[in-house]
Every structure is written in structure tokens, then in C-alpha cells.
């Protein structure tokens, strides 16, 4: 039986893993994308009770959506799902960027949701214009978060942020190699291990530490008033 998505345009940006016929085009990449769902499950189990009053409580659902769309894209390897795959990631990076601006006191907490929505909408639109633009938008958001965190991390939050940074940077290098056709494995390893597989595993692990860092940062909000006038709030901060 021919999968329904075979009638769609194939993704233009290749990876090291060659296509297979049938329902799963790239089995190694598809299987490794389950790492996002595993991380989402761990975070939901660990933090659902303690994060009910924090905005970050929605991130496990967002991470799950990233994993589900990634599974769909790598199973089908179709251009439509590739754009969708890139378009859903800014839900995560957009939130982290908006939250980092709050932590740095550039905006008030009352603007967090609206700014997250703007970042997510722009990020979703970028890959519809061009796939490379989608990659660039996500990468720029991630770099902006890491840069903004530099001025607010404490001794408690620095270790997790450092782990997240190195996992993400290492994974991004491997992802770049994969799309450039560098370091591709053959001799029976085509559908078992490729740089893209390592990217999924490393980025999923990075998300765990990103969440833990943001969780620690947001706990400080519990000690501050919840209803704030933006100008009063910004003016009162050191």
C-alpha cells in the first residue's frame, strides 16, 4: 500500500540517511525523534506538580508537538512536513526568548504571552518563505536566548545552562555536517546511525537542561508581585 504522502513533494534539503520505500522513509531519524517525546514525558512527570503557577508549565506540551511533527516529517520526508517541522520549533524558542527578555527586565511579565505569540508566528512564517530562512530564524532565537542568559544566571543555574549550551552547539554542528553530506555512515549503518540521529538525541537532552534552567529562573517570579504596571515595574528594577 502506497503511503498517502508519497503524492507530496519530497523535501529538498537532504540528509545523510537515504530514502526507503514504504511508510517510513528515514527509520533512524524517525526513531531518534522519539527522544523529544521522552524528554517531554520526563519533564511533565517531574514538574507538573510544582510548576502549576509558572508559565513554563506549557512547555512539555510544546516539546511533545515538536516530537510528533518531527516523527511525521522524517517518516514521510516531504517538503510540507519539513516546513511544519521548522515552523513548530519557534513555539519553544520564542517562549524562551520572550522569557529571557522578562528576566533581563527589558519587558514586563504581563507582555510575556503576547511577545511569545509574535515570535512564534514569525518563526512559523519563516520556513513557508524558504526552508533556510526557517533554520536561520530558529538559530537566531536560540543564540539570542543564550546571550541574554549570560547576565542573569546564578551559581545555581549556570551548570544546567552550560550543559544545554554545549549539547545544543555540538548537535548543531552535527546537523550542519549532516545536511552538507559530511560524516555520513555507510556499510550497513545507513539506517542505524547518522549525524542527524545524534542531533535529535543531543538537542532533546539540551531541551531538558534548558527547561530546568528556565524553571529555576521563573521560581524567582513567585517572590514578586503578579500584577504589575509595566512602567512602574521597569522603573523599580535595579
Protein backbone atom coordinates (compact mmCIF):
# COMPACT_ATOMS: atom_id res chain seq x y z
CA UNK A 1 0.00 0.00 0.00
CA UNK A 2 1.48 3.37 -1.03
CA UNK A 3 1.54 5.96 1.80
CA UNK A 4 -0.69 8.99 1.08
CA UNK A 5 2.20 11.43 1.47
CA UNK A 6 4.10 9.95 -1.48
CA UNK A 7 1.98 12.20 -3.68
CA UNK A 8 3.51 15.26 -1.98
CA UNK A 9 6.75 16.96 -2.97
CA UNK A 10 9.85 15.38 -1.44
CA UNK A 11 11.87 17.52 0.97
CA UNK A 12 14.58 19.40 -0.91
CA UNK A 13 17.13 19.60 1.91
CA UNK A 14 18.71 16.15 2.03
CA UNK A 15 20.18 14.30 5.00
CA UNK A 16 22.75 11.52 5.20
CA UNK A 17 20.10 8.81 5.55
CA UNK A 18 18.93 7.58 2.14
CA UNK A 19 15.24 7.14 1.39
CA UNK A 20 13.46 3.85 1.92
CA UNK A 21 10.24 2.92 0.24
CA UNK A 22 7.12 2.33 2.29
CA UNK A 23 5.64 4.17 5.22
CA UNK A 24 8.90 5.20 6.92
CA UNK A 25 11.37 6.90 4.61
CA UNK A 26 14.10 7.53 7.20
CA UNK A 27 13.80 4.97 10.01
CA UNK A 28 16.85 6.07 12.04
CA UNK A 29 15.82 9.73 12.04
CA UNK A 30 12.22 8.79 12.82
CA UNK A 31 13.17 6.58 15.76
CA UNK A 32 15.59 9.12 17.23
CA UNK A 33 12.90 11.84 17.10
CA UNK A 34 11.13 9.89 19.86
CA UNK A 35 13.73 11.43 22.19
CA UNK A 36 11.68 14.66 22.24
CA UNK A 37 8.61 12.79 23.46
CA UNK A 38 10.68 11.01 26.11
CA UNK A 39 12.05 14.34 27.38
CA UNK A 40 8.56 15.87 27.36
CA UNK A 41 7.27 12.92 29.39
CA UNK A 42 10.09 13.20 31.91
CA UNK A 43 9.54 16.94 32.35
CA UNK A 44 5.78 16.57 32.69
CA UNK A 45 6.17 13.80 35.27
CA UNK A 46 8.81 15.65 37.26
CA UNK A 47 7.48 19.20 37.18
CA UNK A 48 3.72 19.10 36.64
CA UNK A 49 3.01 19.40 40.35
CA UNK A 50 5.46 22.18 41.17
CA UNK A 51 5.12 24.35 38.05
CA UNK A 52 1.35 24.92 38.09
CA UNK A 53 1.81 28.61 38.88
CA UNK A 54 4.59 29.20 36.34
CA UNK A 55 4.17 29.96 32.61
CA UNK A 56 6.73 27.27 31.81
CA UNK A 57 4.13 24.60 32.66
CA UNK A 58 3.03 24.59 29.00
CA UNK A 59 6.46 23.67 27.61
CA UNK A 60 6.12 19.86 27.89
CA UNK A 61 3.10 20.07 25.55
CA UNK A 62 5.10 22.23 23.13
CA UNK A 63 8.05 19.81 23.25
CA UNK A 64 5.63 16.95 22.57
CA UNK A 65 4.31 18.77 19.49
CA UNK A 66 7.89 19.21 18.25
CA UNK A 67 8.46 15.47 18.64
CA UNK A 68 5.22 14.49 16.91
CA UNK A 69 5.83 16.77 13.92
CA UNK A 70 9.45 15.60 13.70
CA UNK A 71 8.26 11.99 13.59
CA UNK A 72 5.83 12.84 10.81
CA UNK A 73 8.45 14.69 8.78
CA UNK A 74 11.18 12.05 9.00
CA UNK A 75 8.75 9.22 8.36
CA UNK A 76 7.42 10.91 5.22
CA UNK A 77 10.38 13.17 4.28
CA UNK A 78 8.06 15.51 2.45
CA UNK A 79 8.53 19.27 1.96
CA UNK A 80 5.17 20.16 3.54
CA UNK A 81 6.06 18.43 6.78
CA UNK A 82 9.60 19.80 6.71
CA UNK A 83 8.21 23.33 6.75
CA UNK A 84 5.81 22.32 9.52
CA UNK A 85 8.69 20.75 11.45
CA UNK A 86 10.65 24.02 11.32
CA UNK A 87 7.55 26.10 11.98
CA UNK A 88 6.66 24.48 15.31
CA UNK A 89 10.10 24.87 16.93
CA UNK A 90 9.65 28.66 17.46
CA UNK A 91 6.87 27.86 19.92
CA UNK A 92 9.73 26.76 22.19
CA UNK A 93 12.49 29.15 21.19
CA UNK A 94 10.05 32.07 21.01
CA UNK A 95 8.88 31.42 24.57
CA UNK A 96 12.42 31.13 25.89
CA UNK A 97 13.40 34.36 24.13
CA UNK A 98 10.39 36.27 25.46
CA UNK A 99 11.02 34.91 28.97
CA UNK A 100 14.70 35.89 28.76
CA UNK A 101 13.66 39.46 27.93
CA UNK A 102 11.46 39.42 31.04
CA UNK A 103 14.32 38.07 33.16
CA UNK A 104 16.57 40.84 31.86
CA UNK A 105 13.79 43.34 32.70
CA UNK A 106 13.53 44.61 29.12
CA UNK A 107 9.80 43.88 29.21
CA UNK A 108 7.28 43.25 31.98
CA UNK A 109 5.81 39.86 32.78
CA UNK A 110 2.41 40.96 31.52
CA UNK A 111 3.85 41.05 27.97
CA UNK A 112 5.24 37.50 28.04
CA UNK A 113 2.35 35.77 26.26
CA UNK A 114 1.86 38.38 23.56
CA UNK A 115 5.58 38.54 22.74
CA UNK A 116 5.79 34.74 22.67
CA UNK A 117 2.89 34.68 20.19
CA UNK A 118 4.64 37.22 17.96
CA UNK A 119 7.93 35.30 17.97
CA UNK A 120 6.11 32.02 17.30
CA UNK A 121 4.09 33.49 14.42
CA UNK A 122 7.19 34.95 12.77
CA UNK A 123 9.00 31.66 13.23
CA UNK A 124 6.13 29.70 11.71
CA UNK A 125 6.03 32.02 8.69
CA UNK A 126 9.79 31.91 8.01
CA UNK A 127 10.02 28.33 6.60
CA UNK A 128 6.96 28.95 4.44
CA UNK A 129 9.03 31.55 2.60
CA UNK A 130 12.16 29.37 2.45
CA UNK A 131 13.41 26.39 4.44
CA UNK A 132 16.79 28.04 5.03
CA UNK A 133 15.03 31.07 6.48
CA UNK A 134 13.31 28.78 8.96
CA UNK A 135 16.64 27.34 10.09
CA UNK A 136 18.11 30.83 10.39
CA UNK A 137 15.17 32.13 12.43
CA UNK A 138 15.31 29.27 14.94
CA UNK A 139 19.10 29.52 15.24
CA UNK A 140 18.98 33.28 15.82
CA UNK A 141 16.35 32.87 18.54
CA UNK A 142 18.43 30.21 20.27
CA UNK A 143 21.58 32.32 20.15
CA UNK A 144 19.67 35.33 21.48
CA UNK A 145 18.43 33.30 24.46
CA UNK A 146 21.93 32.08 25.32
CA UNK A 147 23.28 35.64 25.05
CA UNK A 148 20.53 37.14 27.20
CA UNK A 149 21.01 34.46 29.85
CA UNK A 150 24.63 35.48 30.35
CA UNK A 151 23.70 38.42 32.55
CA UNK A 152 21.13 36.70 34.77
CA UNK A 153 22.46 33.21 35.52
CA UNK A 154 23.32 32.45 39.11
CA UNK A 155 25.67 29.85 40.55
CA UNK A 156 22.65 27.54 40.79
CA UNK A 157 21.51 27.97 37.19
CA UNK A 158 24.87 28.12 35.42
CA UNK A 159 25.64 24.35 35.39
CA UNK A 160 22.40 23.41 33.62
CA UNK A 161 22.69 26.33 31.21
CA UNK A 162 26.25 25.28 30.40
CA UNK A 163 25.15 21.70 29.71
CA UNK A 164 22.33 22.93 27.50
CA UNK A 165 24.67 25.19 25.54
CA UNK A 166 27.30 22.56 24.80
CA UNK A 167 24.75 19.89 23.89
CA UNK A 168 22.98 22.32 21.56
CA UNK A 169 26.17 23.59 19.92
CA UNK A 170 27.51 20.06 19.41
CA UNK A 171 24.21 18.92 17.96
CA UNK A 172 24.01 21.92 15.64
CA UNK A 173 27.49 21.18 14.27
CA UNK A 174 26.46 17.59 13.53
CA UNK A 175 23.21 18.76 11.95
CA UNK A 176 25.18 21.09 9.68
CA UNK A 177 27.51 18.24 8.71
CA UNK A 178 24.52 16.00 8.02
CA UNK A 179 22.86 18.43 5.62
CA UNK A 180 26.22 19.08 3.95
CA UNK A 181 26.76 15.35 3.44
CA UNK A 182 29.81 15.27 5.72
CA UNK A 183 30.40 12.29 8.00
CA UNK A 184 27.65 10.14 6.50
CA UNK A 185 27.89 6.49 7.54
CA UNK A 186 27.51 3.57 5.17
CA UNK A 187 28.36 -0.14 5.17
CA UNK A 188 25.12 -1.17 6.81
CA UNK A 189 24.85 1.87 9.07
CA UNK A 190 22.73 3.94 6.66
CA UNK A 191 19.51 3.40 8.59
CA UNK A 192 21.00 2.97 12.06
CA UNK A 193 23.30 5.89 12.92
CA UNK A 194 23.86 9.20 11.14
CA UNK A 195 24.79 12.76 12.27
CA UNK A 196 21.11 13.69 12.15
CA UNK A 197 20.33 10.98 14.69
CA UNK A 198 22.94 12.45 17.03
CA UNK A 199 21.35 15.89 16.53
CA UNK A 200 17.99 14.60 17.70
CA UNK A 201 19.48 12.98 20.80
CA UNK A 202 21.71 15.93 21.72
CA UNK A 203 19.06 18.59 21.11
CA UNK A 204 16.48 16.63 23.11
CA UNK A 205 18.93 16.37 26.01
CA UNK A 206 19.63 20.10 25.64
CA UNK A 207 15.91 20.87 25.92
CA UNK A 208 15.83 19.07 29.27
CA UNK A 209 18.53 21.34 30.67
CA UNK A 210 17.00 24.42 29.03
CA UNK A 211 13.74 23.66 30.80
CA UNK A 212 15.50 23.11 34.12
CA UNK A 213 17.35 26.43 33.78
CA UNK A 214 14.19 28.35 32.87
CA UNK A 215 12.33 26.65 35.72
CA UNK A 216 14.92 27.91 38.21
CA UNK A 217 14.79 31.41 36.76
CA UNK A 218 10.99 31.57 36.89
CA UNK A 219 10.89 30.48 40.52
CA UNK A 220 12.13 33.98 41.31
CA UNK A 221 8.89 35.36 39.87
CA UNK A 222 6.97 33.71 42.70
CA UNK A 223 8.63 36.15 45.09
CA UNK A 224 7.49 39.17 43.05
CA UNK A 225 4.00 40.73 42.60
CA UNK A 226 1.91 39.14 39.88
CA UNK A 227 0.02 42.27 38.79
CA UNK A 228 2.40 44.87 37.52
CA UNK A 229 2.17 48.18 35.77
CA UNK A 230 4.84 47.92 33.07
CA UNK A 231 6.38 51.34 33.56
CA UNK A 232 6.36 51.10 37.36
CA UNK A 233 7.87 47.63 37.19
CA UNK A 234 10.65 48.54 34.79
CA UNK A 235 11.44 51.75 36.65
CA UNK A 236 11.64 49.97 40.00
CA UNK A 237 14.20 47.37 38.91
CA UNK A 238 17.93 47.91 39.60
